[in-house]
Amino acid sequence: MTDIQRDKEVVVGFLRSAFTEKRPADAFAKCVGDDYVQHNPHAPARTDASAEYLAGFVDRFPDLSLEVHRVVAEDDLVCTHSLLRLTSGSRGSAIADVMRVRDGRIVEHWDVVQEIPESTVSGNPMV
């Protein structure tokens, strides 16, 4: 397995554990490094504080679901393009997560979130 493939598996495993299995504390413990840098403006910077923030977020939305549609990696960066629904049946949001992986652990995270409108001018889906 290449480093890039391993990094993709780390990121997808983190997202699956945190959002699909609703075990964000386990996801952080298994996949995130101690020197984690968070760039989401709503989440705190430290690893433990970000883990608590994500646990609270997941707890607030019991019907939350995340569908990863694409995974792209280059060097030490992995980008996922996903559909996040906070409630069942909602249109949800298109999410692009970018994570830096070092030695098999996520050490940095950025994300971009865009709500999915009822329709798009282009007629093309967002995810």
Protein backbone atom coordinates (compact mmCIF):
# COMPACT_ATOMS: atom_id res chain seq x y z
CA MET A 1 0.00 0.00 0.00
CA THR A 2 1.33 3.44 -0.89
CA ASP A 3 1.50 6.32 1.58
CA ILE A 4 -1.20 8.14 -0.41
CA GLN A 5 -3.54 5.14 -0.26
CA ARG A 6 -2.89 4.76 3.48
CA ASP A 7 -3.59 8.47 4.03
CA LYS A 8 -6.88 8.18 2.13
CA GLU A 9 -7.88 5.24 4.30
CA VAL A 10 -7.01 7.18 7.48
CA VAL A 11 -9.21 10.11 6.43
CA VAL A 12 -12.14 8.01 5.22
CA GLY A 13 -11.87 5.86 8.35
CA PHE A 14 -11.96 8.98 10.51
CA LEU A 15 -15.08 10.30 8.75
CA ARG A 16 -16.81 6.92 8.91
CA SER A 17 -16.06 6.49 12.61
CA ALA A 18 -16.95 10.09 13.54
CA PHE A 19 -20.09 10.56 11.44
CA THR A 20 -21.47 7.21 10.24
CA GLU A 21 -20.72 5.21 13.38
CA LYS A 22 -21.19 8.35 15.53
CA ARG A 23 -18.02 7.72 17.53
CA PRO A 24 -16.10 11.02 17.18
CA ALA A 25 -14.02 10.50 20.35
CA ASP A 26 -12.79 7.14 19.02
CA ALA A 27 -12.14 8.69 15.60
CA PHE A 28 -9.94 11.37 17.17
CA ALA A 29 -8.13 8.87 19.40
CA LYS A 30 -7.37 6.54 16.51
CA CYS A 31 -6.75 8.93 13.62
CA VAL A 32 -5.74 12.41 14.84
CA GLY A 33 -2.28 13.50 15.97
CA ASP A 34 -1.49 15.43 19.14
CA ASP A 35 -0.19 18.39 17.11
CA TYR A 36 -3.51 18.77 15.26
CA VAL A 37 -4.24 22.18 13.72
CA GLN A 38 -7.90 23.07 13.16
CA HIS A 39 -8.89 25.74 10.59
CA ASN A 40 -12.69 25.47 10.91
CA PRO A 41 -13.74 28.86 12.34
CA HIS A 42 -16.36 27.23 14.60
CA ALA A 43 -14.11 24.59 16.17
CA PRO A 44 -11.43 25.09 18.82
CA ALA A 45 -7.76 24.64 17.96
CA ARG A 46 -6.49 21.92 20.33
CA THR A 47 -6.94 18.22 19.56
CA ASP A 48 -8.93 17.45 22.72
CA ALA A 49 -11.11 20.54 22.37
CA SER A 50 -11.82 19.78 18.69
CA ALA A 51 -12.74 16.22 19.64
CA GLU A 52 -15.20 17.52 22.26
CA TYR A 53 -16.64 20.02 19.79
CA LEU A 54 -17.24 17.29 17.19
CA ALA A 55 -18.78 14.97 19.78
CA GLY A 56 -21.22 17.71 20.77
CA PHE A 57 -22.03 18.41 17.12
CA VAL A 58 -22.76 14.74 16.37
CA ASP A 59 -24.84 14.41 19.56
CA ARG A 60 -27.02 17.41 18.57
CA PHE A 61 -28.03 15.70 15.30
CA PRO A 62 -28.97 12.05 15.92
CA ASP A 63 -30.10 11.59 12.28
CA LEU A 64 -26.88 13.08 10.89
CA SER A 65 -25.41 11.29 7.87
CA LEU A 66 -22.28 11.79 5.79
CA GLU A 67 -21.82 10.27 2.34
CA VAL A 68 -18.29 10.54 0.96
CA HIS A 69 -18.52 10.78 -2.83
CA ARG A 70 -14.91 11.53 -3.80
CA VAL A 71 -11.47 11.17 -2.25
CA VAL A 72 -8.45 12.84 -3.85
CA ALA A 73 -4.92 12.85 -2.45
CA GLU A 74 -1.61 14.45 -3.31
CA ASP A 75 1.55 14.43 -1.21
CA ASP A 76 0.36 14.65 2.41
CA LEU A 77 -3.07 16.17 1.68
CA VAL A 78 -6.36 14.28 1.33
CA CYS A 79 -9.53 16.00 0.12
CA THR A 80 -13.00 14.52 0.40
CA HIS A 81 -16.17 15.76 -1.31
CA SER A 82 -19.20 14.70 0.68
CA LEU A 83 -22.90 15.18 1.32
CA LEU A 84 -23.72 16.02 4.94
CA ARG A 85 -27.31 15.82 6.13
CA LEU A 86 -28.07 16.98 9.66
CA THR A 87 -31.61 15.62 9.54
CA SER A 88 -33.08 12.78 7.57
CA GLY A 89 -34.71 13.89 4.33
CA SER A 90 -33.00 17.29 4.22
CA ARG A 91 -31.14 18.45 1.09
CA GLY A 92 -28.02 18.84 3.21
CA SER A 93 -24.73 20.53 2.47
CA ALA A 94 -21.87 19.82 0.11
CA ILE A 95 -18.66 19.54 2.12
CA ALA A 96 -15.05 19.67 1.00
CA ASP A 97 -12.70 18.54 3.77
CA VAL A 98 -8.95 18.88 3.31
CA MET A 99 -6.76 17.06 5.79
CA ARG A 100 -2.98 16.86 6.14
CA VAL A 101 -1.79 13.41 7.19
CA ARG A 102 1.60 12.73 8.76
CA ASP A 103 2.80 9.28 9.86
CA GLY A 104 -0.72 7.85 9.55
CA ARG A 105 -2.37 10.57 11.67
CA ILE A 106 -4.45 13.61 10.68
CA VAL A 107 -2.53 16.70 11.77
CA GLU A 108 -4.41 19.53 10.05
CA HIS A 109 -7.95 20.18 8.81
CA TRP A 110 -9.75 22.73 6.64
CA ASP A 111 -13.34 22.53 5.40
CA VAL A 112 -15.71 24.36 3.10
CA VAL A 113 -19.47 23.95 3.58
CA GLN A 114 -22.16 24.98 1.11
CA GLU A 115 -25.87 24.37 1.62
CA ILE A 116 -27.53 22.56 -1.27
CA PRO A 117 -30.25 24.74 -2.79
CA GLU A 118 -33.57 23.44 -4.09
CA SER A 119 -32.28 23.93 -7.63
CA THR A 120 -29.14 25.17 -9.36
CA VAL A 121 -28.93 27.52 -12.33
CA SER A 122 -26.75 24.99 -14.16
CA GLY A 123 -29.07 22.09 -13.35
CA ASN A 124 -26.04 20.10 -12.13
CA PRO A 125 -25.91 18.48 -8.70
CA MET A 126 -23.44 19.75 -6.12
CA VAL A 127 -22.25 16.33 -5.02
